[in-house]
Amino acid sequence: MNDIHYYEVNLLWNSAWQGTLSSSVIASQIDVEKIPKSSKKLKDKWTPEHLSIAAVSSCLMSTFLLVADNSKLKFISFESNAVGKIEKIDSKFSLTEIVLKPTLFIASIQNESKAKLVLEMSEKACAFANSIKTKITLESIITI
């Protein structure tokens, strides 16, 4: 297996504060927007902040699915909420923390400790999360 992988994303500026993300290997596109703080406009597009938080959240899920499969963990469903915090530090805004709140539904209490371990392993193995300086907190919920 090759240990190097490349992912290409294209961005086309559309107008004002809006653009469209695409990739040659993905059929769908994502509209992105950055609203100036002074604007009263309703935000109805994905922002760079949303995408950064979504990248960490989806990385956790992807890694979890791989680790769960390798660990033979049986589960019913997986869902996650993620909240990111932007703070001004030394006159610069930064994404300082992301709290991941995955909820894992399992059928048997016998799998609870294994499920917790798989979630923790997944957080530690997430390539995207390991690549950023943002503090990441995992608050897992396991429901039987």
Protein backbone atom coordinates (compact mmCIF):
# COMPACT_ATOMS: atom_id res chain seq x y z
CA MET A 1 0.00 0.00 0.00
CA ASN A 2 1.29 3.46 -0.93
CA ASP A 3 2.00 5.67 2.10
CA ILE A 4 1.58 8.93 0.16
CA HIS A 5 -1.81 10.20 -0.97
CA TYR A 6 -2.74 13.40 -2.80
CA TYR A 7 -6.09 15.21 -2.71
CA GLU A 8 -6.81 18.04 -5.12
CA VAL A 9 -9.43 20.72 -4.51
CA ASN A 10 -10.26 23.58 -6.88
CA LEU A 11 -11.76 26.89 -5.82
CA LEU A 12 -13.48 29.30 -8.18
CA TRP A 13 -14.33 32.78 -6.94
CA ASN A 14 -17.89 33.59 -8.02
CA SER A 15 -18.74 37.02 -6.70
CA ALA A 16 -18.35 39.26 -3.66
CA TRP A 17 -17.51 36.86 -0.82
CA GLN A 18 -18.56 33.60 -2.52
CA GLY A 19 -16.80 30.74 -4.26
CA THR A 20 -17.33 27.13 -5.30
CA LEU A 21 -15.16 24.20 -4.24
CA SER A 22 -14.81 21.25 -6.59
CA SER A 23 -12.55 18.32 -7.32
CA SER A 24 -11.92 16.41 -10.53
CA VAL A 25 -12.73 13.15 -8.73
CA ILE A 26 -15.98 14.28 -7.02
CA ALA A 27 -19.24 14.95 -8.84
CA SER A 28 -20.72 17.38 -6.31
CA GLN A 29 -19.56 20.90 -5.49
CA ILE A 30 -19.69 22.99 -2.31
CA ASP A 31 -20.58 26.67 -2.25
CA VAL A 32 -18.43 28.58 0.25
CA GLU A 33 -18.71 32.07 1.60
CA LYS A 34 -16.98 34.36 4.02
CA ILE A 35 -19.27 37.07 5.32
CA PRO A 36 -17.56 40.21 6.64
CA LYS A 37 -18.25 40.75 10.34
CA SER A 38 -19.98 44.03 9.52
CA SER A 39 -22.55 42.28 7.31
CA LYS A 40 -26.04 41.54 8.61
CA LYS A 41 -26.61 39.02 5.80
CA LEU A 42 -27.87 35.60 6.82
CA LYS A 43 -25.22 32.93 6.44
CA ASP A 44 -26.48 30.13 4.24
CA LYS A 45 -23.21 28.84 2.79
CA TRP A 46 -20.33 26.82 4.19
CA THR A 47 -17.49 28.96 5.57
CA PRO A 48 -13.81 28.01 5.94
CA GLU A 49 -14.49 27.60 9.66
CA HIS A 50 -17.34 25.15 9.04
CA LEU A 51 -15.20 23.20 6.56
CA SER A 52 -12.27 22.96 9.00
CA ILE A 53 -14.51 21.63 11.75
CA ALA A 54 -16.25 19.30 9.28
CA ALA A 55 -12.87 17.96 8.15
CA VAL A 56 -11.97 16.95 11.72
CA SER A 57 -15.43 15.47 12.33
CA SER A 58 -15.51 13.49 9.08
CA CYS A 59 -11.93 12.34 9.65
CA LEU A 60 -12.98 10.94 13.03
CA MET A 61 -15.88 9.07 11.41
CA SER A 62 -13.74 7.69 8.56
CA THR A 63 -11.04 6.58 10.95
CA PHE A 64 -13.63 5.11 13.32
CA LEU A 65 -15.15 3.04 10.51
CA LEU A 66 -11.73 1.63 9.63
CA VAL A 67 -10.73 0.91 13.25
CA ALA A 68 -14.17 -0.58 14.05
CA ASP A 69 -13.92 -2.87 11.03
CA ASN A 70 -10.39 -3.97 11.94
CA SER A 71 -11.49 -4.52 15.56
CA LYS A 72 -14.63 -6.42 14.53
CA LEU A 73 -16.75 -3.97 16.55
CA LYS A 74 -20.44 -4.39 15.83
CA PHE A 75 -22.42 -1.15 16.03
CA ILE A 76 -25.84 0.05 14.94
CA SER A 77 -25.08 3.64 13.99
CA PHE A 78 -22.63 6.51 14.38
CA GLU A 79 -23.35 10.23 14.42
CA SER A 80 -21.36 13.18 15.60
CA ASN A 81 -21.72 16.81 16.55
CA ALA A 82 -18.67 19.08 16.43
CA VAL A 83 -18.26 22.59 17.80
CA GLY A 84 -15.28 24.77 17.01
CA LYS A 85 -14.10 27.80 18.95
CA ILE A 86 -12.49 30.79 17.22
CA GLU A 87 -10.56 33.14 19.48
CA LYS A 88 -8.51 36.26 18.99
CA ILE A 89 -5.03 35.60 20.35
CA ASP A 90 -2.16 38.06 19.89
CA SER A 91 -4.29 40.12 17.48
CA LYS A 92 -4.99 37.08 15.24
CA PHE A 93 -8.07 34.91 15.00
CA SER A 94 -7.42 31.21 15.36
CA LEU A 95 -9.41 28.00 15.60
CA THR A 96 -8.30 27.09 19.12
CA GLU A 97 -10.53 24.14 20.01
CA ILE A 98 -12.84 21.59 18.45
CA VAL A 99 -15.09 19.50 20.66
CA LEU A 100 -16.14 16.28 18.97
CA LYS A 101 -19.27 14.67 20.38
CA PRO A 102 -19.72 11.33 18.64
CA THR A 103 -22.70 9.19 19.59
CA LEU A 104 -22.27 5.51 18.95
CA PHE A 105 -25.24 3.16 19.13
CA ILE A 106 -24.40 -0.45 20.00
CA ALA A 107 -26.65 -3.46 20.57
CA SER A 108 -24.98 -5.01 23.60
CA ILE A 109 -23.47 -3.76 26.86
CA GLN A 110 -20.72 -6.34 26.34
CA ASN A 111 -19.37 -4.16 23.50
CA GLU A 112 -19.32 -0.92 25.52
CA SER A 113 -15.67 -1.00 26.65
CA LYS A 114 -14.53 -2.09 23.20
CA ALA A 115 -16.59 0.70 21.61
CA LYS A 116 -14.99 3.29 23.90
CA LEU A 117 -11.51 1.99 23.07
CA VAL A 118 -12.23 2.07 19.32
CA LEU A 119 -13.44 5.69 19.56
CA GLU A 120 -10.31 6.70 21.49
CA MET A 121 -8.05 4.90 19.01
CA SER A 122 -9.86 6.61 16.15
CA GLU A 123 -9.27 10.05 17.61
CA LYS A 124 -5.55 9.33 18.00
CA ALA A 125 -5.23 7.94 14.45
CA CYS A 126 -7.12 10.70 12.59
CA ALA A 127 -4.62 12.07 10.04
CA PHE A 128 -6.26 15.48 9.64
CA ALA A 129 -6.60 16.07 13.37
CA ASN A 130 -2.96 15.06 13.84
CA SER A 131 -1.95 17.70 11.29
CA ILE A 132 -3.37 20.77 13.01
CA LYS A 133 -2.43 22.61 16.19
CA THR A 134 -6.05 23.03 17.31
CA LYS A 135 -6.91 21.36 20.63
CA ILE A 136 -9.35 18.51 20.00
CA THR A 137 -11.54 17.19 22.79
CA LEU A 138 -13.51 13.96 22.46
CA GLU A 139 -16.78 13.67 24.40
CA SER A 140 -18.12 10.29 23.33
CA ILE A 141 -21.58 9.00 24.09
CA ILE A 142 -22.20 5.28 23.80
CA THR A 143 -25.85 4.29 23.73
CA ILE A 144 -27.05 0.71 24.13
